[in-house]
Amino acid sequence: MGYVSQRFSLYPDLTVVENIDFYARAYQVWGAQLRTRRAAAIELAGLSGLERQLTANLAGGFKQRLALATAILHEPQLLFLDEPTAGVDPVSRRDFWRLLYRLAAEGTTIFVTTHYMDEAEQCHRLAFIHEGRIVAMGTPNDIKERQMRGKVVELDCAAPGRALEILRRLEHLDEVALYGTLIHVVSEDLAKQQPVIQTALEQAQIEIHSMTIIPPSLEDVFIARARS
């Protein structure tokens, strides 16, 4: 089993290769096996050329790659990652997930906790946890298609902040949330509620550009199930 914590926990006063060698020996990886796995971990994590770099001087994305490299030196069948990309820039986050996809394709079972729904979308199976209980579980498509209570309408309108306040005061809307400049409204009886939504905004003199029923996102499902 391997583990990568959310907070970087390797030794900052050691170099990249010194951290790798330390953890390899902790996992009882020695000699020729150590040399082979060290080279493989450095190549996989994209750390070539940084072997003598002091760990404290690495950027956040490279630190997480190094943490992953040390966690797989003993070739674990099971790998736990606790929010491994929290605080990492988007490019480094994407590169880190490419490493995970490669490990998964090679047969490693990976458990990841994440609050990024775009990351969750890439997993084979999900469990949404809210206040210590599982509120939805299945593949991303199964969760979106079968476990969503109600339908979602995406609203593009003027003054979305003011519109949000008005819609949240209406009854029979299960959820109203802002997504950038758009508003997502969830209701189990959307056909009946759409005219109510339109009337409320027109009375407030808020122009509606479009009102479209859309497939739910994972975030829509999580919010709906967490509040049910």
C-alpha atoms as a PDB file:
ATOM      1  CA  MET A   1       0.000   0.000   0.000  1.00  0.00           C
ATOM      2  CA  GLY A   2       1.182   3.539  -0.796  1.00  0.00           C
ATOM      3  CA  TYR A   3       0.027   6.882   0.572  1.00  0.00           C
ATOM      4  CA  VAL A   4       0.356  10.542  -0.463  1.00  0.00           C
ATOM      5  CA  SER A   5      -0.895  13.061   2.097  1.00  0.00           C
ATOM      6  CA  GLN A   6      -2.559  16.376   1.307  1.00  0.00           C
ATOM      7  CA  ARG A   7       0.177  18.289   3.088  1.00  0.00           C
ATOM      8  CA  PHE A   8       3.649  17.738   1.651  1.00  0.00           C
ATOM      9  CA  SER A   9       5.465  15.575   4.193  1.00  0.00           C
ATOM     10  CA  LEU A  10       8.848  14.710   2.677  1.00  0.00           C
ATOM     11  CA  TYR A  11      12.119  16.104   4.006  1.00  0.00           C
ATOM     12  CA  PRO A  12      12.748  19.615   2.607  1.00  0.00           C
ATOM     13  CA  ASP A  13      16.452  19.583   3.542  1.00  0.00           C
ATOM     14  CA  LEU A  14      17.143  16.487   1.433  1.00  0.00           C
ATOM     15  CA  THR A  15      17.577  16.422  -2.323  1.00  0.00           C
ATOM     16  CA  VAL A  16      15.104  14.692  -4.626  1.00  0.00           C
ATOM     17  CA  VAL A  17      17.212  11.551  -4.914  1.00  0.00           C
ATOM     18  CA  GLU A  18      17.988  11.522  -1.168  1.00  0.00           C
ATOM     19  CA  ASN A  19      14.261  11.535  -0.366  1.00  0.00           C
ATOM     20  CA  ILE A  20      13.687   8.725  -2.860  1.00  0.00           C
ATOM     21  CA  ASP A  21      16.512   6.635  -1.424  1.00  0.00           C
ATOM     22  CA  PHE A  22      15.348   7.222   2.156  1.00  0.00           C
ATOM     23  CA  TYR A  23      11.800   6.042   1.450  1.00  0.00           C
ATOM     24  CA  ALA A  24      12.999   3.154  -0.681  1.00  0.00           C
ATOM     25  CA  ARG A  25      15.014   1.808   2.231  1.00  0.00           C
ATOM     26  CA  ALA A  26      12.057   2.350   4.571  1.00  0.00           C
ATOM     27  CA  TYR A  27      10.110   0.090   2.196  1.00  0.00           C
ATOM     28  CA  GLN A  28      13.061  -2.372   2.206  1.00  0.00           C
ATOM     29  CA  VAL A  29      13.988  -1.742  -1.419  1.00  0.00           C
ATOM     30  CA  TRP A  30      17.751  -2.227  -1.774  1.00  0.00           C
ATOM     31  CA  GLY A  31      20.638  -2.693  -4.208  1.00  0.00           C
ATOM     32  CA  ALA A  32      19.921  -3.296  -7.875  1.00  0.00           C
ATOM     33  CA  GLN A  33      16.174  -3.222  -7.196  1.00  0.00           C
ATOM     34  CA  LEU A  34      16.546   0.259  -5.680  1.00  0.00           C
ATOM     35  CA  ARG A  35      18.477   1.538  -8.702  1.00  0.00           C
ATOM     36  CA  THR A  36      15.867   0.168 -11.097  1.00  0.00           C
ATOM     37  CA  ARG A  37      12.858   1.500  -9.209  1.00  0.00           C
ATOM     38  CA  ARG A  38      14.519   4.852  -8.491  1.00  0.00           C
ATOM     39  CA  ALA A  39      15.100   5.370 -12.208  1.00  0.00           C
ATOM     40  CA  ALA A  40      11.535   4.280 -13.028  1.00  0.00           C
ATOM     41  CA  ALA A  41      10.015   6.596 -10.393  1.00  0.00           C
ATOM     42  CA  ILE A  42      12.069   9.590 -11.563  1.00  0.00           C
ATOM     43  CA  GLU A  43      11.069   8.942 -15.169  1.00  0.00           C
ATOM     44  CA  LEU A  44       7.400   8.447 -14.326  1.00  0.00           C
ATOM     45  CA  ALA A  45       7.223  11.608 -12.199  1.00  0.00           C
ATOM     46  CA  GLY A  46       9.102  13.737 -14.741  1.00  0.00           C
ATOM     47  CA  LEU A  47      11.889  14.575 -12.286  1.00  0.00           C
ATOM     48  CA  SER A  48      14.815  13.869 -14.616  1.00  0.00           C
ATOM     49  CA  GLY A  49      17.444  16.583 -14.224  1.00  0.00           C
ATOM     50  CA  LEU A  50      16.194  17.509 -10.759  1.00  0.00           C
ATOM     51  CA  GLU A  51      17.751  14.623  -8.854  1.00  0.00           C
ATOM     52  CA  ARG A  52      20.234  16.878  -6.986  1.00  0.00           C
ATOM     53  CA  GLN A  53      17.740  19.703  -6.444  1.00  0.00           C
ATOM     54  CA  LEU A  54      17.017  20.515  -2.817  1.00  0.00           C
ATOM     55  CA  THR A  55      13.410  19.458  -2.159  1.00  0.00           C
ATOM     56  CA  ALA A  56      12.592  22.732  -0.386  1.00  0.00           C
ATOM     57  CA  ASN A  57      13.285  24.600  -3.629  1.00  0.00           C
ATOM     58  CA  LEU A  58      10.866  22.579  -5.784  1.00  0.00           C
ATOM     59  CA  ALA A  59       7.644  24.127  -7.062  1.00  0.00           C
ATOM     60  CA  GLY A  60       4.398  22.763  -5.590  1.00  0.00           C
ATOM     61  CA  GLY A  61       3.602  20.576  -8.586  1.00  0.00           C
ATOM     62  CA  PHE A  62       7.056  18.954  -8.543  1.00  0.00           C
ATOM     63  CA  LYS A  63       6.817  18.368  -4.799  1.00  0.00           C
ATOM     64  CA  GLN A  64       3.621  16.381  -5.331  1.00  0.00           C
ATOM     65  CA  ARG A  65       5.254  14.408  -8.135  1.00  0.00           C
ATOM     66  CA  LEU A  66       8.125  13.590  -5.788  1.00  0.00           C
ATOM     67  CA  ALA A  67       5.659  12.523  -3.078  1.00  0.00           C
ATOM     68  CA  LEU A  68       4.004  10.210  -5.606  1.00  0.00           C
ATOM     69  CA  ALA A  69       7.375   8.840  -6.717  1.00  0.00           C
ATOM     70  CA  THR A  70       8.299   7.893  -3.136  1.00  0.00           C
ATOM     71  CA  ALA A  71       4.880   6.283  -2.569  1.00  0.00           C
ATOM     72  CA  ILE A  72       5.232   3.852  -5.494  1.00  0.00           C
ATOM     73  CA  LEU A  73       8.838   2.718  -5.000  1.00  0.00           C
ATOM     74  CA  HIS A  74       7.697  -0.604  -3.531  1.00  0.00           C
ATOM     75  CA  GLU A  75       5.159  -1.079  -6.366  1.00  0.00           C
ATOM     76  CA  PRO A  76       2.033  -1.037  -4.166  1.00  0.00           C
ATOM     77  CA  GLN A  77      -1.143  -2.673  -5.409  1.00  0.00           C
ATOM     78  CA  LEU A  78      -3.202  -0.033  -3.600  1.00  0.00           C
ATOM     79  CA  LEU A  79      -2.481   3.708  -3.542  1.00  0.00           C
ATOM     80  CA  PHE A  80      -4.267   6.283  -1.342  1.00  0.00           C
ATOM     81  CA  LEU A  81      -4.095   9.978  -2.271  1.00  0.00           C
ATOM     82  CA  ASP A  82      -5.553  12.602   0.077  1.00  0.00           C
ATOM     83  CA  GLU A  83      -6.426  15.694  -2.005  1.00  0.00           C
ATOM     84  CA  PRO A  84      -3.052  15.472  -3.759  1.00  0.00           C
ATOM     85  CA  THR A  85      -3.578  18.500  -6.029  1.00  0.00           C
ATOM     86  CA  ALA A  86      -4.960  20.983  -3.478  1.00  0.00           C
ATOM     87  CA  GLY A  87      -3.140  24.284  -3.944  1.00  0.00           C
ATOM     88  CA  VAL A  88      -1.425  23.114  -7.141  1.00  0.00           C
ATOM     89  CA  ASP A  89      -1.692  25.178 -10.324  1.00  0.00           C
ATOM     90  CA  PRO A  90      -3.990  23.860 -13.124  1.00  0.00           C
ATOM     91  CA  VAL A  91      -1.167  22.760 -15.455  1.00  0.00           C
ATOM     92  CA  SER A  92       0.642  20.828 -12.721  1.00  0.00           C
ATOM     93  CA  ARG A  93      -2.677  19.342 -11.607  1.00  0.00           C
ATOM     94  CA  ARG A  94      -3.341  18.037 -15.117  1.00  0.00           C
ATOM     95  CA  ASP A  95       0.176  16.580 -15.364  1.00  0.00           C
ATOM     96  CA  PHE A  96      -0.194  14.896 -11.975  1.00  0.00           C
ATOM     97  CA  TRP A  97      -3.424  13.221 -13.067  1.00  0.00           C
ATOM     98  CA  ARG A  98      -1.740  11.932 -16.212  1.00  0.00           C
ATOM     99  CA  LEU A  99       0.633  10.077 -13.906  1.00  0.00           C
ATOM    100  CA  LEU A 100      -2.322   8.597 -12.030  1.00  0.00           C
ATOM    101  CA  TYR A 101      -3.979   7.461 -15.268  1.00  0.00           C
ATOM    102  CA  ARG A 102      -0.758   5.720 -16.249  1.00  0.00           C
ATOM    103  CA  LEU A 103      -0.510   3.933 -12.896  1.00  0.00           C
ATOM    104  CA  ALA A 104      -4.168   2.887 -13.098  1.00  0.00           C
ATOM    105  CA  ALA A 105      -3.650   1.560 -16.627  1.00  0.00           C
ATOM    106  CA  GLU A 106      -0.749  -0.522 -15.304  1.00  0.00           C
ATOM    107  CA  GLY A 107      -3.025  -2.145 -12.719  1.00  0.00           C
ATOM    108  CA  THR A 108      -2.672  -0.037  -9.568  1.00  0.00           C
ATOM    109  CA  THR A 109      -5.905   0.523  -7.640  1.00  0.00           C
ATOM    110  CA  ILE A 110      -6.068   4.194  -6.664  1.00  0.00           C
ATOM    111  CA  PHE A 111      -8.306   5.813  -4.051  1.00  0.00           C
ATOM    112  CA  VAL A 112      -8.429   9.611  -4.334  1.00  0.00           C
ATOM    113  CA  THR A 113     -10.183  12.205  -2.215  1.00  0.00           C
ATOM    114  CA  THR A 114     -10.777  15.414  -4.156  1.00  0.00           C
ATOM    115  CA  HIS A 115     -13.079  18.428  -4.104  1.00  0.00           C
ATOM    116  CA  TYR A 116     -12.448  19.133  -7.798  1.00  0.00           C
ATOM    117  CA  MET A 117     -15.407  17.753  -9.752  1.00  0.00           C
ATOM    118  CA  ASP A 118     -13.491  17.779 -13.041  1.00  0.00           C
ATOM    119  CA  GLU A 119     -11.033  15.361 -11.413  1.00  0.00           C
ATOM    120  CA  ALA A 120     -13.831  13.199 -10.030  1.00  0.00           C
ATOM    121  CA  GLU A 121     -15.285  13.019 -13.551  1.00  0.00           C
ATOM    122  CA  GLN A 122     -12.197  11.063 -14.676  1.00  0.00           C
ATOM    123  CA  CYS A 123     -12.517   8.334 -12.023  1.00  0.00           C
ATOM    124  CA  HIS A 124     -14.014   4.934 -12.792  1.00  0.00           C
ATOM    125  CA  ARG A 125     -16.224   4.924  -9.699  1.00  0.00           C
ATOM    126  CA  LEU A 126     -17.255   7.636  -7.247  1.00  0.00           C
ATOM    127  CA  ALA A 127     -18.665   7.952  -3.765  1.00  0.00           C
ATOM    128  CA  PHE A 128     -20.057  11.315  -2.674  1.00  0.00           C
ATOM    129  CA  ILE A 129     -19.614  11.781   1.080  1.00  0.00           C
ATOM    130  CA  HIS A 130     -21.491  14.437   3.031  1.00  0.00           C
ATOM    131  CA  GLU A 131     -21.306  14.792   6.806  1.00  0.00           C
ATOM    132  CA  GLY A 132     -19.790  11.353   7.175  1.00  0.00           C
ATOM    133  CA  ARG A 133     -22.285   9.418   5.041  1.00  0.00           C
ATOM    134  CA  ILE A 134     -22.304   8.277   1.417  1.00  0.00           C
ATOM    135  CA  VAL A 135     -25.071  10.133  -0.419  1.00  0.00           C
ATOM    136  CA  ALA A 136     -24.392   8.772  -3.939  1.00  0.00           C
ATOM    137  CA  MET A 137     -22.199   6.083  -5.427  1.00  0.00           C
ATOM    138  CA  GLY A 138     -21.509   4.699  -8.891  1.00  0.00           C
ATOM    139  CA  THR A 139     -19.808   5.600 -12.150  1.00  0.00           C
ATOM    140  CA  PRO A 140     -19.858   9.296 -13.129  1.00  0.00           C
ATOM    141  CA  ASN A 141     -22.442   8.630 -15.857  1.00  0.00           C
ATOM    142  CA  ASP A 142     -24.622   6.507 -13.572  1.00  0.00           C
ATOM    143  CA  ILE A 143     -24.608   9.197 -10.890  1.00  0.00           C
ATOM    144  CA  LYS A 144     -25.568  11.934 -13.358  1.00  0.00           C
ATOM    145  CA  GLU A 145     -28.172   9.933 -15.262  1.00  0.00           C
ATOM    146  CA  ARG A 146     -29.855   7.887 -12.516  1.00  0.00           C
ATOM    147  CA  GLN A 147     -29.158   9.424  -9.124  1.00  0.00           C
ATOM    148  CA  MET A 148     -30.157  13.027  -9.734  1.00  0.00           C
ATOM    149  CA  ARG A 149     -33.378  14.042  -8.021  1.00  0.00           C
ATOM    150  CA  GLY A 150     -35.103  16.524 -10.290  1.00  0.00           C
ATOM    151  CA  LYS A 151     -34.030  18.233 -13.491  1.00  0.00           C
ATOM    152  CA  VAL A 152     -31.684  21.159 -14.070  1.00  0.00           C
ATOM    153  CA  VAL A 153     -32.443  24.342 -15.982  1.00  0.00           C
ATOM    154  CA  GLU A 154     -29.577  26.655 -16.886  1.00  0.00           C
ATOM    155  CA  LEU A 155     -30.549  30.302 -16.802  1.00  0.00           C
ATOM    156  CA  ASP A 156     -28.667  33.062 -18.618  1.00  0.00           C
ATOM    157  CA  CYS A 157     -29.989  36.437 -17.532  1.00  0.00           C
ATOM    158  CA  ALA A 158     -29.045  39.996 -16.720  1.00  0.00           C
ATOM    159  CA  ALA A 159     -28.009  40.775 -13.123  1.00  0.00           C
ATOM    160  CA  PRO A 160     -27.426  37.119 -12.124  1.00  0.00           C
ATOM    161  CA  GLY A 161     -26.602  38.059  -8.527  1.00  0.00           C
ATOM    162  CA  ARG A 162     -29.952  39.787  -8.024  1.00  0.00           C
ATOM    163  CA  ALA A 163     -31.743  37.020  -9.922  1.00  0.00           C
ATOM    164  CA  LEU A 164     -30.174  34.457  -7.587  1.00  0.00           C
ATOM    165  CA  GLU A 165     -31.615  36.213  -4.534  1.00  0.00           C
ATOM    166  CA  ILE A 166     -35.088  36.359  -6.099  1.00  0.00           C
ATOM    167  CA  LEU A 167     -35.129  32.705  -7.138  1.00  0.00           C
ATOM    168  CA  ARG A 168     -33.950  31.512  -3.754  1.00  0.00           C
ATOM    169  CA  ARG A 169     -37.054  33.053  -2.214  1.00  0.00           C
ATOM    170  CA  LEU A 170     -39.360  30.982  -4.447  1.00  0.00           C
ATOM    171  CA  GLU A 171     -40.960  27.802  -3.139  1.00  0.00           C
ATOM    172  CA  HIS A 172     -40.681  24.365  -4.771  1.00  0.00           C
ATOM    173  CA  LEU A 173     -37.165  24.917  -6.139  1.00  0.00           C
ATOM    174  CA  ASP A 174     -34.849  22.273  -4.726  1.00  0.00           C
ATOM    175  CA  GLU A 175     -31.627  24.148  -5.460  1.00  0.00           C
ATOM    176  CA  VAL A 176     -30.539  27.470  -6.954  1.00  0.00           C
ATOM    177  CA  ALA A 177     -26.803  27.974  -7.489  1.00  0.00           C
ATOM    178  CA  LEU A 178     -24.549  30.344  -9.397  1.00  0.00           C
ATOM    179  CA  TYR A 179     -22.102  28.886 -11.949  1.00  0.00           C
ATOM    180  CA  GLY A 180     -20.011  31.804 -13.152  1.00  0.00           C
ATOM    181  CA  THR A 181     -22.552  34.157 -14.749  1.00  0.00           C
ATOM    182  CA  LEU A 182     -25.137  31.389 -15.199  1.00  0.00           C
ATOM    183  CA  ILE A 183     -27.707  30.091 -12.725  1.00  0.00           C
ATOM    184  CA  HIS A 184     -28.617  26.420 -12.273  1.00  0.00           C
ATOM    185  CA  VAL A 185     -32.071  25.710 -10.893  1.00  0.00           C
ATOM    186  CA  VAL A 186     -33.058  22.201  -9.791  1.00  0.00           C
ATOM    187  CA  SER A 187     -36.665  21.089  -9.361  1.00  0.00           C
ATOM    188  CA  GLU A 188     -38.519  17.781  -9.489  1.00  0.00           C
ATOM    189  CA  ASP A 189     -41.392  19.507 -11.307  1.00  0.00           C
ATOM    190  CA  LEU A 190     -39.436  21.760 -13.654  1.00  0.00           C
ATOM    191  CA  ALA A 191     -42.177  22.003 -16.291  1.00  0.00           C
ATOM    192  CA  LYS A 192     -44.444  23.624 -13.717  1.00  0.00           C
ATOM    193  CA  GLN A 193     -41.739  25.831 -12.218  1.00  0.00           C
ATOM    194  CA  GLN A 194     -40.291  27.317 -15.409  1.00  0.00           C
ATOM    195  CA  PRO A 195     -43.226  29.763 -15.889  1.00  0.00           C
ATOM    196  CA  VAL A 196     -42.938  30.722 -12.206  1.00  0.00           C
ATOM    197  CA  ILE A 197     -39.227  31.452 -12.643  1.00  0.00           C
ATOM    198  CA  GLN A 198     -39.867  33.508 -15.755  1.00  0.00           C
ATOM    199  CA  THR A 199     -42.652  35.540 -14.121  1.00  0.00           C
ATOM    200  CA  ALA A 200     -40.585  36.257 -10.995  1.00  0.00           C
ATOM    201  CA  LEU A 201     -37.668  37.603 -13.020  1.00  0.00           C
ATOM    202  CA  GLU A 202     -39.851  39.594 -15.409  1.00  0.00           C
ATOM    203  CA  GLN A 203     -41.605  41.260 -12.473  1.00  0.00           C
ATOM    204  CA  ALA A 204     -38.167  42.260 -11.169  1.00  0.00           C
ATOM    205  CA  GLN A 205     -37.346  43.620 -14.644  1.00  0.00           C
ATOM    206  CA  ILE A 206     -34.480  41.184 -15.108  1.00  0.00           C
ATOM    207  CA  GLU A 207     -34.021  40.270 -18.767  1.00  0.00           C
ATOM    208  CA  ILE A 208     -33.830  36.540 -19.510  1.00  0.00           C
ATOM    209  CA  HIS A 209     -31.459  35.669 -22.355  1.00  0.00           C
ATOM    210  CA  SER A 210     -32.083  31.925 -22.313  1.00  0.00           C
ATOM    211  CA  MET A 211     -33.569  29.182 -20.139  1.00  0.00           C
ATOM    212  CA  THR A 212     -32.427  25.687 -21.125  1.00  0.00           C
ATOM    213  CA  ILE A 213     -32.879  22.250 -19.564  1.00  0.00           C
ATOM    214  CA  ILE A 214     -29.424  20.638 -19.400  1.00  0.00           C
ATOM    215  CA  PRO A 215     -27.943  17.339 -18.197  1.00  0.00           C
ATOM    216  CA  PRO A 216     -26.857  17.625 -14.556  1.00  0.00           C
ATOM    217  CA  SER A 217     -23.194  18.031 -13.700  1.00  0.00           C
ATOM    218  CA  LEU A 218     -21.582  16.063 -10.885  1.00  0.00           C
ATOM    219  CA  GLU A 219     -21.660  19.225  -8.815  1.00  0.00           C
ATOM    220  CA  ASP A 220     -25.416  19.544  -9.414  1.00  0.00           C
ATOM    221  CA  VAL A 221     -25.927  15.993  -8.205  1.00  0.00           C
ATOM    222  CA  PHE A 222     -23.691  16.408  -5.162  1.00  0.00           C
ATOM    223  CA  ILE A 223     -25.464  19.579  -4.019  1.00  0.00           C
ATOM    224  CA  ALA A 224     -28.901  18.053  -4.614  1.00  0.00           C
ATOM    225  CA  ARG A 225     -28.104  14.818  -2.761  1.00  0.00           C
ATOM    226  CA  ALA A 226     -26.299  16.579   0.106  1.00  0.00           C
ATOM    227  CA  ARG A 227     -29.320  18.788   0.781  1.00  0.00           C
ATOM    228  CA  SER A 228     -31.948  16.073   0.435  1.00  0.00           C
END
